Amino acid sequence: QLQLVESGGGLVQPGGSLRLSCAASGFTLGTYAIGWFRQAPGKEREGVSCITRGGVTTNFADSVKGRFTISRDNAKNTVYLQMNSLKPEDTAIYYCAAHATRRFFCSGDVSAYDYWGQGTQVTVSS
């Protein structure tokens, strides 16, 4: 059974850091492009960042550029999202997702993704 499981969320003060993990089971993560998305209360799910099968990364949200970094460790079948200088507006449920696509492409479109994790809550508050 193909499954993605996020972890690493929690409560952090403004300016703090968190590292989210997205672990895959039932399939090889390295054969998919992986995206991180987030959904705040009352808002639509938005693309944050993605990484291609070939390791090329893209940040979709201007607000996270320079603060968030996506990376992958194919040996551990895991993708990470390092989040630094966190702000209250980063508060959301964060999801990882996988989609099968060409080697050096990944999408910021929710509808492009085939498999989703259950999400992990990130709360930035003092």
PDB file of N, CA and C in Angstrom:
ATOM      1  N   GLN A   1       0.845  -1.185   0.000  1.00  0.00           N
ATOM      2  CA  GLN A   1       0.000   0.000   0.000  1.00  0.00           C
ATOM      3  C   GLN A   1       0.888   1.246   0.000  1.00  0.00           C
ATOM      4  N   LEU A   2       0.634   2.150  -0.950  1.00  0.00           N
ATOM      5  CA  LEU A   2       1.427   3.358  -1.033  1.00  0.00           C
ATOM      6  C   LEU A   2       0.992   4.336   0.049  1.00  0.00           C
ATOM      7  N   GLN A   3       1.956   4.856   0.789  1.00  0.00           N
ATOM      8  CA  GLN A   3       1.628   5.745   1.889  1.00  0.00           C
ATOM      9  C   GLN A   3       2.710   6.791   2.078  1.00  0.00           C
ATOM     10  N   LEU A   4       2.274   8.003   2.414  1.00  0.00           N
ATOM     11  CA  LEU A   4       3.181   9.086   2.800  1.00  0.00           C
ATOM     12  C   LEU A   4       2.819   9.510   4.220  1.00  0.00           C
ATOM     13  N   VAL A   5       3.828   9.695   5.045  1.00  0.00           N
ATOM     14  CA  VAL A   5       3.587  10.083   6.431  1.00  0.00           C
ATOM     15  C   VAL A   5       4.457  11.284   6.764  1.00  0.00           C
ATOM     16  N   GLU A   6       3.802  12.377   7.147  1.00  0.00           N
ATOM     17  CA  GLU A   6       4.525  13.578   7.557  1.00  0.00           C
ATOM     18  C   GLU A   6       4.766  13.550   9.062  1.00  0.00           C
ATOM     19  N   SER A   7       5.841  14.189   9.474  1.00  0.00           N
ATOM     20  CA  SER A   7       6.136  14.347  10.895  1.00  0.00           C
ATOM     21  C   SER A   7       6.985  15.596  11.079  1.00  0.00           C
ATOM     22  N   GLY A   8       7.132  16.010  12.336  1.00  0.00           N
ATOM     23  CA  GLY A   8       8.002  17.132  12.640  1.00  0.00           C
ATOM     24  C   GLY A   8       7.288  18.441  12.925  1.00  0.00           C
ATOM     25  N   GLY A   9       5.975  18.458  12.788  1.00  0.00           N
ATOM     26  CA  GLY A   9       5.237  19.668  13.089  1.00  0.00           C
ATOM     27  C   GLY A   9       5.173  19.925  14.584  1.00  0.00           C
ATOM     28  N   GLY A  10       4.634  21.087  14.939  1.00  0.00           N
ATOM     29  CA  GLY A  10       4.501  21.415  16.351  1.00  0.00           C
ATOM     30  C   GLY A  10       4.301  22.902  16.557  1.00  0.00           C
ATOM     31  N   LEU A  11       4.458  23.312  17.793  1.00  0.00           N
ATOM     32  CA  LEU A  11       4.322  24.711  18.183  1.00  0.00           C
ATOM     33  C   LEU A  11       5.715  25.317  18.300  1.00  0.00           C
ATOM     34  N   VAL A  12       5.919  26.447  17.660  1.00  0.00           N
ATOM     35  CA  VAL A  12       7.214  27.113  17.695  1.00  0.00           C
ATOM     36  C   VAL A  12       6.996  28.615  17.790  1.00  0.00           C
ATOM     37  N   GLN A  13       7.922  29.309  18.417  1.00  0.00           N
ATOM     38  CA  GLN A  13       7.825  30.760  18.525  1.00  0.00           C
ATOM     39  C   GLN A  13       8.252  31.430  17.222  1.00  0.00           C
ATOM     40  N   PRO A  14       7.760  32.626  16.978  1.00  0.00           N
ATOM     41  CA  PRO A  14       8.211  33.363  15.785  1.00  0.00           C
ATOM     42  C   PRO A  14       9.731  33.478  15.771  1.00  0.00           C
ATOM     43  N   GLY A  15      10.297  33.262  14.584  1.00  0.00           N
ATOM     44  CA  GLY A  15      11.740  33.265  14.434  1.00  0.00           C
ATOM     45  C   GLY A  15      12.380  31.907  14.611  1.00  0.00           C
ATOM     46  N   GLY A  16      11.610  30.941  15.065  1.00  0.00           N
ATOM     47  CA  GLY A  16      12.135  29.604  15.282  1.00  0.00           C
ATOM     48  C   GLY A  16      12.188  28.770  14.016  1.00  0.00           C
ATOM     49  N   SER A  17      12.610  27.514  14.187  1.00  0.00           N
ATOM     50  CA  SER A  17      12.774  26.603  13.050  1.00  0.00           C
ATOM     51  C   SER A  17      12.109  25.268  13.329  1.00  0.00           C
ATOM     52  N   LEU A  18      11.715  24.619  12.260  1.00  0.00           N
ATOM     53  CA  LEU A  18      11.227  23.250  12.306  1.00  0.00           C
ATOM     54  C   LEU A  18      11.709  22.534  11.056  1.00  0.00           C
ATOM     55  N   ARG A  19      11.865  21.237  11.161  1.00  0.00           N
ATOM     56  CA  ARG A  19      12.136  20.422   9.985  1.00  0.00           C
ATOM     57  C   ARG A  19      11.054  19.364   9.867  1.00  0.00           C
ATOM     58  N   LEU A  20      10.318  19.448   8.793  1.00  0.00           N
ATOM     59  CA  LEU A  20       9.287  18.459   8.514  1.00  0.00           C
ATOM     60  C   LEU A  20       9.878  17.324   7.694  1.00  0.00           C
ATOM     61  N   SER A  21       9.384  16.129   7.967  1.00  0.00           N
ATOM     62  CA  SER A  21       9.799  14.950   7.215  1.00  0.00           C
ATOM     63  C   SER A  21       8.599  14.331   6.527  1.00  0.00           C
ATOM     64  N   CYS A  22       8.855  13.762   5.384  1.00  0.00           N
ATOM     65  CA  CYS A  22       7.826  13.048   4.618  1.00  0.00           C
ATOM     66  C   CYS A  22       8.415  11.694   4.250  1.00  0.00           C
ATOM     67  N   ALA A  23       7.944  10.672   4.923  1.00  0.00           N
ATOM     68  CA  ALA A  23       8.471   9.324   4.708  1.00  0.00           C
ATOM     69  C   ALA A  23       7.502   8.511   3.864  1.00  0.00           C
ATOM     70  N   ALA A  24       8.050   7.769   2.927  1.00  0.00           N
ATOM     71  CA  ALA A  24       7.229   6.966   2.034  1.00  0.00           C
ATOM     72  C   ALA A  24       7.327   5.491   2.394  1.00  0.00           C
ATOM     73  N   SER A  25       6.227   4.795   2.217  1.00  0.00           N
ATOM     74  CA  SER A  25       6.233   3.345   2.341  1.00  0.00           C
ATOM     75  C   SER A  25       5.415   2.755   1.204  1.00  0.00           C
ATOM     76  N   GLY A  26       5.834   1.597   0.758  1.00  0.00           N
ATOM     77  CA  GLY A  26       5.120   0.941  -0.325  1.00  0.00           C
ATOM     78  C   GLY A  26       5.555   1.366  -1.713  1.00  0.00           C
ATOM     79  N   PHE A  27       6.431   2.346  -1.802  1.00  0.00           N
ATOM     80  CA  PHE A  27       6.965   2.749  -3.096  1.00  0.00           C
ATOM     81  C   PHE A  27       8.281   3.482  -2.886  1.00  0.00           C
ATOM     82  N   THR A  28       9.014   3.649  -3.959  1.00  0.00           N
ATOM     83  CA  THR A  28      10.304   4.326  -3.894  1.00  0.00           C
ATOM     84  C   THR A  28      10.113   5.808  -4.165  1.00  0.00           C
ATOM     85  N   LEU A  29      10.375   6.610  -3.148  1.00  0.00           N
ATOM     86  CA  LEU A  29      10.129   8.040  -3.241  1.00  0.00           C
ATOM     87  C   LEU A  29      10.927   8.687  -4.366  1.00  0.00           C
ATOM     88  N   GLY A  30      12.097   8.143  -4.634  1.00  0.00           N
ATOM     89  CA  GLY A  30      12.969   8.734  -5.638  1.00  0.00           C
ATOM     90  C   GLY A  30      12.433   8.668  -7.052  1.00  0.00           C
ATOM     91  N   THR A  31      11.397   7.899  -7.279  1.00  0.00           N
ATOM     92  CA  THR A  31      10.809   7.794  -8.612  1.00  0.00           C
ATOM     93  C   THR A  31       9.672   8.786  -8.819  1.00  0.00           C
ATOM     94  N   TYR A  32       9.441   9.643  -7.827  1.00  0.00           N
ATOM     95  CA  TYR A  32       8.367  10.631  -7.906  1.00  0.00           C
ATOM     96  C   TYR A  32       8.904  12.029  -7.611  1.00  0.00           C
ATOM     97  N   ALA A  33       8.239  13.017  -8.189  1.00  0.00           N
ATOM     98  CA  ALA A  33       8.434  14.389  -7.725  1.00  0.00           C
ATOM     99  C   ALA A  33       7.612  14.556  -6.449  1.00  0.00           C
ATOM    100  N   ILE A  34       8.159  15.304  -5.509  1.00  0.00           N
ATOM    101  CA  ILE A  34       7.499  15.490  -4.218  1.00  0.00           C
ATOM    102  C   ILE A  34       7.247  16.966  -3.966  1.00  0.00           C
ATOM    103  N   GLY A  35       6.061  17.262  -3.512  1.00  0.00           N
ATOM    104  CA  GLY A  35       5.708  18.641  -3.182  1.00  0.00           C
ATOM    105  C   GLY A  35       5.287  18.773  -1.734  1.00  0.00           C
ATOM    106  N   TRP A  36       5.531  19.942  -1.187  1.00  0.00           N
ATOM    107  CA  TRP A  36       4.984  20.320   0.112  1.00  0.00           C
ATOM    108  C   TRP A  36       3.919  21.390  -0.120  1.00  0.00           C
ATOM    109  N   PHE A  37       2.790  21.200   0.525  1.00  0.00           N
ATOM    110  CA  PHE A  37       1.671  22.124   0.445  1.00  0.00           C
ATOM    111  C   PHE A  37       1.259  22.499   1.854  1.00  0.00           C
ATOM    112  N   ARG A  38       0.504  23.575   1.990  1.00  0.00           N
ATOM    113  CA  ARG A  38      -0.018  23.936   3.295  1.00  0.00           C
ATOM    114  C   ARG A  38      -1.421  24.505   3.152  1.00  0.00           C
ATOM    115  N   GLN A  39      -2.170  24.343   4.219  1.00  0.00           N
ATOM    116  CA  GLN A  39      -3.534  24.850   4.228  1.00  0.00           C
ATOM    117  C   GLN A  39      -3.816  25.475   5.582  1.00  0.00           C
ATOM    118  N   ALA A  40      -4.047  26.776   5.553  1.00  0.00           N
ATOM    119  CA  ALA A  40      -4.402  27.506   6.761  1.00  0.00           C
ATOM    120  C   ALA A  40      -5.921  27.505   6.915  1.00  0.00           C
ATOM    121  N   PRO A  41      -6.433  27.704   8.121  1.00  0.00           N
ATOM    122  CA  PRO A  41      -7.887  27.715   8.326  1.00  0.00           C
ATOM    123  C   PRO A  41      -8.577  28.728   7.427  1.00  0.00           C
ATOM    124  N   GLY A  42      -9.602  28.265   6.730  1.00  0.00           N
ATOM    125  CA  GLY A  42     -10.376  29.147   5.871  1.00  0.00           C
ATOM    126  C   GLY A  42      -9.743  29.486   4.549  1.00  0.00           C
ATOM    127  N   LYS A  43      -8.596  28.872   4.255  1.00  0.00           N
ATOM    128  CA  LYS A  43      -7.897  29.161   3.001  1.00  0.00           C
ATOM    129  C   LYS A  43      -7.734  27.893   2.179  1.00  0.00           C
ATOM    130  N   GLU A  44      -7.481  28.097   0.905  1.00  0.00           N
ATOM    131  CA  GLU A  44      -7.235  26.963   0.024  1.00  0.00           C
ATOM    132  C   GLU A  44      -5.829  26.420   0.245  1.00  0.00           C
ATOM    133  N   ARG A  45      -5.662  25.163  -0.105  1.00  0.00           N
ATOM    134  CA  ARG A  45      -4.345  24.543  -0.022  1.00  0.00           C
ATOM    135  C   ARG A  45      -3.435  25.186  -1.066  1.00  0.00           C
ATOM    136  N   GLU A  46      -2.230  25.531  -0.660  1.00  0.00           N
ATOM    137  CA  GLU A  46      -1.309  26.195  -1.572  1.00  0.00           C
ATOM    138  C   GLU A  46       0.022  25.453  -1.625  1.00  0.00           C
ATOM    139  N   GLY A  47       0.660  25.522  -2.773  1.00  0.00           N
ATOM    140  CA  GLY A  47       1.971  24.915  -2.937  1.00  0.00           C
ATOM    141  C   GLY A  47       3.030  25.745  -2.251  1.00  0.00           C
ATOM    142  N   VAL A  48       3.914  25.062  -1.544  1.00  0.00           N
ATOM    143  CA  VAL A  48       5.014  25.720  -0.847  1.00  0.00           C
ATOM    144  C   VAL A  48       6.322  25.513  -1.598  1.00  0.00           C
ATOM    145  N   SER A  49       6.619  24.259  -1.860  1.00  0.00           N
ATOM    146  CA  SER A  49       7.897  23.932  -2.482  1.00  0.00           C
ATOM    147  C   SER A  49       7.796  22.538  -3.082  1.00  0.00           C
ATOM    148  N   CYS A  50       8.646  22.255  -4.069  1.00  0.00           N
ATOM    149  CA  CYS A  50       8.682  20.901  -4.602  1.00  0.00           C
ATOM    150  C   CYS A  50      10.092  20.561  -5.051  1.00  0.00           C
ATOM    151  N   ILE A  51      10.324  19.262  -5.208  1.00  0.00           N
ATOM    152  CA  ILE A  51      11.631  18.778  -5.652  1.00  0.00           C
ATOM    153  C   ILE A  51      11.404  17.694  -6.693  1.00  0.00           C
ATOM    154  N   THR A  52      12.142  17.794  -7.780  1.00  0.00           N
ATOM    155  CA  THR A  52      11.972  16.842  -8.876  1.00  0.00           C
ATOM    156  C   THR A  52      12.706  15.541  -8.590  1.00  0.00           C
ATOM    157  N   ARG A  53      12.463  14.552  -9.438  1.00  0.00           N
ATOM    158  CA  ARG A  53      13.204  13.294  -9.310  1.00  0.00           C
ATOM    159  C   ARG A  53      14.693  13.541  -9.467  1.00  0.00           C
ATOM    160  N   GLY A  54      15.018  14.535 -10.262  1.00  0.00           N
ATOM    161  CA  GLY A  54      16.420  14.844 -10.504  1.00  0.00           C
ATOM    162  C   GLY A  54      17.040  15.759  -9.470  1.00  0.00           C
ATOM    163  N   GLY A  55      16.266  16.149  -8.454  1.00  0.00           N
ATOM    164  CA  GLY A  55      16.814  16.947  -7.363  1.00  0.00           C
ATOM    165  C   GLY A  55      16.706  18.450  -7.539  1.00  0.00           C
ATOM    166  N   VAL A  56      16.023  18.902  -8.586  1.00  0.00           N
ATOM    167  CA  VAL A  56      15.827  20.347  -8.782  1.00  0.00           C
ATOM    168  C   VAL A  56      14.696  20.814  -7.878  1.00  0.00           C
ATOM    169  N   THR A  57      14.899  21.944  -7.209  1.00  0.00           N
ATOM    170  CA  THR A  57      13.903  22.429  -6.252  1.00  0.00           C
ATOM    171  C   THR A  57      13.267  23.735  -6.726  1.00  0.00           C
ATOM    172  N   THR A  58      12.033  23.922  -6.299  1.00  0.00           N
ATOM    173  CA  THR A  58      11.297  25.140  -6.627  1.00  0.00           C
ATOM    174  C   THR A  58      10.492  25.562  -5.412  1.00  0.00           C
ATOM    175  N   ASN A  59      10.537  26.837  -5.078  1.00  0.00           N
ATOM    176  CA  ASN A  59       9.637  27.404  -4.072  1.00  0.00           C
ATOM    177  C   ASN A  59       8.534  28.160  -4.784  1.00  0.00           C
ATOM    178  N   PHE A  60       7.281  27.859  -4.442  1.00  0.00           N
ATOM    179  CA  PHE A  60       6.141  28.480  -5.114  1.00  0.00           C
ATOM    180  C   PHE A  60       5.657  29.723  -4.403  1.00  0.00           C
ATOM    181  N   ALA A  61       5.771  29.714  -3.105  1.00  0.00           N
ATOM    182  CA  ALA A  61       5.269  30.840  -2.338  1.00  0.00           C
ATOM    183  C   ALA A  61       6.390  31.848  -2.126  1.00  0.00           C
ATOM    184  N   ASP A  62       6.167  33.070  -2.599  1.00  0.00           N
ATOM    185  CA  ASP A  62       7.187  34.108  -2.435  1.00  0.00           C
ATOM    186  C   ASP A  62       7.518  34.336  -0.964  1.00  0.00           C
ATOM    187  N   SER A  63       6.533  34.122  -0.124  1.00  0.00           N
ATOM    188  CA  SER A  63       6.717  34.400   1.295  1.00  0.00           C
ATOM    189  C   SER A  63       7.693  33.458   1.971  1.00  0.00           C
ATOM    190  N   VAL A  64       8.000  32.306   1.346  1.00  0.00           N
ATOM    191  CA  VAL A  64       8.900  31.353   1.992  1.00  0.00           C
ATOM    192  C   VAL A  64      10.294  31.347   1.375  1.00  0.00           C
ATOM    193  N   LYS A  65      10.465  32.069   0.289  1.00  0.00           N
ATOM    194  CA  LYS A  65      11.773  32.086  -0.374  1.00  0.00           C
ATOM    195  C   LYS A  65      12.828  32.657   0.563  1.00  0.00           C
ATOM    196  N   GLY A  66      13.936  31.942   0.628  1.00  0.00           N
ATOM    197  CA  GLY A  66      15.013  32.340   1.524  1.00  0.00           C
ATOM    198  C   GLY A  66      14.847  31.811   2.937  1.00  0.00           C
ATOM    199  N   ARG A  67      13.692  31.228   3.246  1.00  0.00           N
ATOM    200  CA  ARG A  67      13.446  30.704   4.597  1.00  0.00           C
ATOM    201  C   ARG A  67      13.239  29.202   4.607  1.00  0.00           C
ATOM    202  N   PHE A  68      12.591  28.663   3.575  1.00  0.00           N
ATOM    203  CA  PHE A  68      12.279  27.231   3.518  1.00  0.00           C
ATOM    204  C   PHE A  68      13.163  26.549   2.479  1.00  0.00           C
ATOM    205  N   THR A  69      13.604  25.344   2.816  1.00  0.00           N
ATOM    206  CA  THR A  69      14.426  24.560   1.903  1.00  0.00           C
ATOM    207  C   THR A  69      13.924  23.128   1.853  1.00  0.00           C
ATOM    208  N   ILE A  70      13.665  22.656   0.650  1.00  0.00           N
ATOM    209  CA  ILE A  70      13.245  21.271   0.466  1.00  0.00           C
ATOM    210  C   ILE A  70      14.460  20.450   0.049  1.00  0.00           C
ATOM    211  N   SER A  71      14.497  19.210   0.518  1.00  0.00           N
ATOM    212  CA  SER A  71      15.599  18.318   0.152  1.00  0.00           C
ATOM    213  C   SER A  71      15.078  16.880   0.213  1.00  0.00           C
ATOM    214  N   ARG A  72      15.848  15.983  -0.385  1.00  0.00           N
ATOM    215  CA  ARG A  72      15.433  14.587  -0.351  1.00  0.00           C
ATOM    216  C   ARG A  72      16.621  13.694  -0.049  1.00  0.00           C
ATOM    217  N   ASP A  73      16.348  12.601   0.649  1.00  0.00           N
ATOM    218  CA  ASP A  73      17.340  11.567   0.932  1.00  0.00           C
ATOM    219  C   ASP A  73      16.743  10.267   0.414  1.00  0.00           C
ATOM    220  N   ASN A  74      17.116   9.915  -0.808  1.00  0.00           N
ATOM    221  CA  ASN A  74      16.513   8.728  -1.423  1.00  0.00           C
ATOM    222  C   ASN A  74      16.881   7.454  -0.668  1.00  0.00           C
ATOM    223  N   ALA A  75      18.037   7.429  -0.043  1.00  0.00           N
ATOM    224  CA  ALA A  75      18.442   6.231   0.714  1.00  0.00           C
ATOM    225  C   ALA A  75      17.506   5.993   1.894  1.00  0.00           C
ATOM    226  N   LYS A  76      16.963   7.086   2.446  1.00  0.00           N
ATOM    227  CA  LYS A  76      16.029   6.966   3.567  1.00  0.00           C
ATOM    228  C   LYS A  76      14.583   7.042   3.107  1.00  0.00           C
ATOM    229  N   ASN A  77      14.398   7.177   1.783  1.00  0.00           N
ATOM    230  CA  ASN A  77      13.037   7.268   1.238  1.00  0.00           C
ATOM    231  C   ASN A  77      12.243   8.404   1.898  1.00  0.00           C
ATOM    232  N   THR A  78      12.895   9.528   2.084  1.00  0.00           N
ATOM    233  CA  THR A  78      12.324  10.637   2.837  1.00  0.00           C
ATOM    234  C   THR A  78      12.640  11.970   2.160  1.00  0.00           C
ATOM    235  N   VAL A  79      11.672  12.875   2.230  1.00  0.00           N
ATOM    236  CA  VAL A  79      11.860  14.254   1.785  1.00  0.00           C
ATOM    237  C   VAL A  79      11.670  15.158   2.988  1.00  0.00           C
ATOM    238  N   TYR A  80      12.441  16.230   3.039  1.00  0.00           N
ATOM    239  CA  TYR A  80      12.405  17.140   4.173  1.00  0.00           C
ATOM    240  C   TYR A  80      11.999  18.544   3.735  1.00  0.00           C
ATOM    241  N   LEU A  81      11.450  19.285   4.676  1.00  0.00           N
ATOM    242  CA  LEU A  81      11.221  20.709   4.486  1.00  0.00           C
ATOM    243  C   LEU A  81      11.790  21.424   5.713  1.00  0.00           C
ATOM    244  N   GLN A  82      12.925  22.070   5.518  1.00  0.00           N
ATOM    245  CA  GLN A  82      13.537  22.849   6.589  1.00  0.00           C
ATOM    246  C   GLN A  82      12.928  24.237   6.575  1.00  0.00           C
ATOM    247  N   MET A  83      12.354  24.631   7.688  1.00  0.00           N
ATOM    248  CA  MET A  83      11.668  25.918   7.790  1.00  0.00           C
ATOM    249  C   MET A  83      12.354  26.768   8.848  1.00  0.00           C
ATOM    250  N   ASN A  84      12.916  27.876   8.422  1.00  0.00           N
ATOM    251  CA  ASN A  84      13.606  28.791   9.325  1.00  0.00           C
ATOM    252  C   ASN A  84      12.884  30.137   9.384  1.00  0.00           C
ATOM    253  N   SER A  85      13.218  30.915  10.385  1.00  0.00           N
ATOM    254  CA  SER A  85      12.632  32.251  10.554  1.00  0.00           C
ATOM    255  C   SER A  85      11.116  32.203  10.433  1.00  0.00           C
ATOM    256  N   LEU A  86      10.514  31.297  11.139  1.00  0.00           N
ATOM    257  CA  LEU A  86       9.072  31.088  11.010  1.00  0.00           C
ATOM    258  C   LEU A  86       8.287  32.289  11.493  1.00  0.00           C
ATOM    259  N   LYS A  87       7.161  32.513  10.819  1.00  0.00           N
ATOM    260  CA  LYS A  87       6.287  33.645  11.104  1.00  0.00           C
ATOM    261  C   LYS A  87       4.891  33.128  11.453  1.00  0.00           C
ATOM    262  N   PRO A  88       4.103  33.904  12.170  1.00  0.00           N
ATOM    263  CA  PRO A  88       2.737  33.461  12.491  1.00  0.00           C
ATOM    264  C   PRO A  88       1.930  33.098  11.244  1.00  0.00           C
ATOM    265  N   GLU A  89       2.171  33.779  10.146  1.00  0.00           N
ATOM    266  CA  GLU A  89       1.422  33.471   8.918  1.00  0.00           C
ATOM    267  C   GLU A  89       1.825  32.146   8.273  1.00  0.00           C
ATOM    268  N   ASP A  90       2.853  31.497   8.804  1.00  0.00           N
ATOM    269  CA  ASP A  90       3.214  30.152   8.339  1.00  0.00           C
ATOM    270  C   ASP A  90       2.362  29.074   9.015  1.00  0.00           C
ATOM    271  N   THR A  91       1.561  29.473   9.967  1.00  0.00           N
ATOM    272  CA  THR A  91       0.707  28.515  10.663  1.00  0.00           C
ATOM    273  C   THR A  91      -0.265  27.856   9.689  1.00  0.00           C
ATOM    274  N   ALA A  92      -0.249  26.530   9.660  1.00  0.00           N
ATOM    275  CA  ALA A  92      -1.076  25.772   8.722  1.00  0.00           C
ATOM    276  C   ALA A  92      -0.859  24.284   8.962  1.00  0.00           C
ATOM    277  N   ILE A  93      -1.682  23.491   8.308  1.00  0.00           N
ATOM    278  CA  ILE A  93      -1.392  22.065   8.198  1.00  0.00           C
ATOM    279  C   ILE A  93      -0.533  21.888   6.949  1.00  0.00           C
ATOM    280  N   TYR A  94       0.567  21.196   7.106  1.00  0.00           N
ATOM    281  CA  TYR A  94       1.498  20.973   6.004  1.00  0.00           C
ATOM    282  C   TYR A  94       1.361  19.532   5.509  1.00  0.00           C
ATOM    283  N   TYR A  95       1.250  19.416   4.203  1.00  0.00           N
ATOM    284  CA  TYR A  95       1.089  18.118   3.557  1.00  0.00           C
ATOM    285  C   TYR A  95       2.224  17.875   2.561  1.00  0.00           C
ATOM    286  N   CYS A  96       2.646  16.626   2.465  1.00  0.00           N
ATOM    287  CA  CYS A  96       3.509  16.260   1.350  1.00  0.00           C
ATOM    288  C   CYS A  96       2.704  15.401   0.380  1.00  0.00           C
ATOM    289  N   ALA A  97       3.136  15.432  -0.866  1.00  0.00           N
ATOM    290  CA  ALA A  97       2.422  14.708  -1.904  1.00  0.00           C
ATOM    291  C   ALA A  97       3.406  14.280  -2.985  1.00  0.00           C
ATOM    292  N   ALA A  98       3.029  13.238  -3.710  1.00  0.00           N
ATOM    293  CA  ALA A  98       3.897  12.687  -4.748  1.00  0.00           C
ATOM    294  C   ALA A  98       3.170  12.648  -6.079  1.00  0.00           C
ATOM    295  N   HIS A  99       3.909  12.980  -7.126  1.00  0.00           N
ATOM    296  CA  HIS A  99       3.327  12.792  -8.454  1.00  0.00           C
ATOM    297  C   HIS A  99       4.371  12.282  -9.434  1.00  0.00           C
ATOM    298  N   ALA A 100       3.896  11.410 -10.311  1.00  0.00           N
ATOM    299  CA  ALA A 100       4.755  10.817 -11.323  1.00  0.00           C
ATOM    300  C   ALA A 100       4.840  11.766 -12.500  1.00  0.00           C
ATOM    301  N   THR A 101       6.037  12.206 -12.807  1.00  0.00           N
ATOM    302  CA  THR A 101       6.221  13.155 -13.902  1.00  0.00           C
ATOM    303  C   THR A 101       7.641  13.021 -14.427  1.00  0.00           C
ATOM    304  N   ARG A 102       7.969  13.826 -15.412  1.00  0.00           N
ATOM    305  CA  ARG A 102       9.293  13.737 -16.003  1.00  0.00           C
ATOM    306  C   ARG A 102      10.370  14.167 -14.998  1.00  0.00           C
ATOM    307  N   ARG A 103      11.586  13.782 -15.277  1.00  0.00           N
ATOM    308  CA  ARG A 103      12.654  13.815 -14.300  1.00  0.00           C
ATOM    309  C   ARG A 103      12.925  15.190 -13.691  1.00  0.00           C
ATOM    310  N   PHE A 104      12.883  16.227 -14.487  1.00  0.00           N
ATOM    311  CA  PHE A 104      13.264  17.548 -13.983  1.00  0.00           C
ATOM    312  C   PHE A 104      12.073  18.510 -13.908  1.00  0.00           C
ATOM    313  N   PHE A 105      10.913  17.959 -13.565  1.00  0.00           N
ATOM    314  CA  PHE A 105       9.727  18.798 -13.420  1.00  0.00           C
ATOM    315  C   PHE A 105       9.002  18.446 -12.143  1.00  0.00           C
ATOM    316  N   CYS A 106       8.439  19.453 -11.471  1.00  0.00           N
ATOM    317  CA  CYS A 106       7.476  19.208 -10.398  1.00  0.00           C
ATOM    318  C   CYS A 106       6.469  20.350 -10.417  1.00  0.00           C
ATOM    319  N   SER A 107       5.288  20.063 -10.005  1.00  0.00           N
ATOM    320  CA  SER A 107       4.176  20.995 -10.147  1.00  0.00           C
ATOM    321  C   SER A 107       3.795  21.628  -8.825  1.00  0.00           C
ATOM    322  N   GLY A 108       3.275  22.851  -8.903  1.00  0.00           N
ATOM    323  CA  GLY A 108       2.714  23.507  -7.728  1.00  0.00           C
ATOM    324  C   GLY A 108       1.199  23.379  -7.675  1.00  0.00           C
ATOM    325  N   ASP A 109       0.647  22.593  -8.599  1.00  0.00           N
ATOM    326  CA  ASP A 109      -0.802  22.433  -8.710  1.00  0.00           C
ATOM    327  C   ASP A 109      -1.256  21.232  -7.887  1.00  0.00           C
ATOM    328  N   VAL A 110      -2.168  21.449  -6.970  1.00  0.00           N
ATOM    329  CA  VAL A 110      -2.677  20.379  -6.114  1.00  0.00           C
ATOM    330  C   VAL A 110      -3.202  19.210  -6.946  1.00  0.00           C
ATOM    331  N   SER A 111      -3.876  19.506  -8.026  1.00  0.00           N
ATOM    332  CA  SER A 111      -4.530  18.468  -8.820  1.00  0.00           C
ATOM    333  C   SER A 111      -3.545  17.570  -9.554  1.00  0.00           C
ATOM    334  N   ALA A 112      -2.284  17.962  -9.619  1.00  0.00           N
ATOM    335  CA  ALA A 112      -1.283  17.151 -10.314  1.00  0.00           C
ATOM    336  C   ALA A 112      -0.800  15.969  -9.480  1.00  0.00           C
ATOM    337  N   TYR A 113      -1.065  15.996  -8.203  1.00  0.00           N
ATOM    338  CA  TYR A 113      -0.474  15.021  -7.295  1.00  0.00           C
ATOM    339  C   TYR A 113      -1.361  13.801  -7.082  1.00  0.00           C
ATOM    340  N   ASP A 114      -0.700  12.630  -7.039  1.00  0.00           N
ATOM    341  CA  ASP A 114      -1.411  11.357  -6.975  1.00  0.00           C
ATOM    342  C   ASP A 114      -1.579  10.834  -5.556  1.00  0.00           C
ATOM    343  N   TYR A 115      -0.595  11.080  -4.719  1.00  0.00           N
ATOM    344  CA  TYR A 115      -0.608  10.522  -3.369  1.00  0.00           C
ATOM    345  C   TYR A 115      -0.348  11.631  -2.356  1.00  0.00           C
ATOM    346  N   TRP A 116      -1.076  11.558  -1.243  1.00  0.00           N
ATOM    347  CA  TRP A 116      -0.983  12.592  -0.213  1.00  0.00           C
ATOM    348  C   TRP A 116      -0.795  11.957   1.156  1.00  0.00           C
ATOM    349  N   GLY A 117      -0.061  12.690   2.007  1.00  0.00           N
ATOM    350  CA  GLY A 117       0.005  12.309   3.402  1.00  0.00           C
ATOM    351  C   GLY A 117      -1.180  12.893   4.159  1.00  0.00           C
ATOM    352  N   GLN A 118      -1.227  12.619   5.451  1.00  0.00           N
ATOM    353  CA  GLN A 118      -2.353  13.044   6.277  1.00  0.00           C
ATOM    354  C   GLN A 118      -2.168  14.452   6.841  1.00  0.00           C
ATOM    355  N   GLY A 119      -0.954  14.973   6.732  1.00  0.00           N
ATOM    356  CA  GLY A 119      -0.693  16.331   7.186  1.00  0.00           C
ATOM    357  C   GLY A 119      -0.108  16.394   8.576  1.00  0.00           C
ATOM    358  N   THR A 120       0.629  17.468   8.842  1.00  0.00           N
ATOM    359  CA  THR A 120       1.173  17.727  10.175  1.00  0.00           C
ATOM    360  C   THR A 120       0.964  19.209  10.487  1.00  0.00           C
ATOM    361  N   GLN A 121       0.521  19.480  11.699  1.00  0.00           N
ATOM    362  CA  GLN A 121       0.177  20.841  12.088  1.00  0.00           C
ATOM    363  C   GLN A 121       1.438  21.619  12.479  1.00  0.00           C
ATOM    364  N   VAL A 122       1.552  22.817  11.931  1.00  0.00           N
ATOM    365  CA  VAL A 122       2.607  23.746  12.323  1.00  0.00           C
ATOM    366  C   VAL A 122       1.933  25.003  12.852  1.00  0.00           C
ATOM    367  N   THR A 123       2.260  25.356  14.077  1.00  0.00           N
ATOM    368  CA  THR A 123       1.696  26.542  14.698  1.00  0.00           C
ATOM    369  C   THR A 123       2.835  27.450  15.141  1.00  0.00           C
ATOM    370  N   VAL A 124       2.824  28.685  14.654  1.00  0.00           N
ATOM    371  CA  VAL A 124       3.858  29.659  15.004  1.00  0.00           C
ATOM    372  C   VAL A 124       3.189  30.739  15.847  1.00  0.00           C
ATOM    373  N   SER A 125       3.557  30.765  17.108  1.00  0.00           N
ATOM    374  CA  SER A 125       2.900  31.681  18.027  1.00  0.00           C
ATOM    375  C   SER A 125       3.768  31.907  19.240  1.00  0.00           C
ATOM    376  N   SER A 126       3.673  33.109  19.794  1.00  0.00           N
ATOM    377  CA  SER A 126       4.409  33.395  21.020  1.00  0.00           C
ATOM    378  C   SER A 126       3.506  33.139  22.233  1.00  0.00           C
TER     379      SER A 126
END
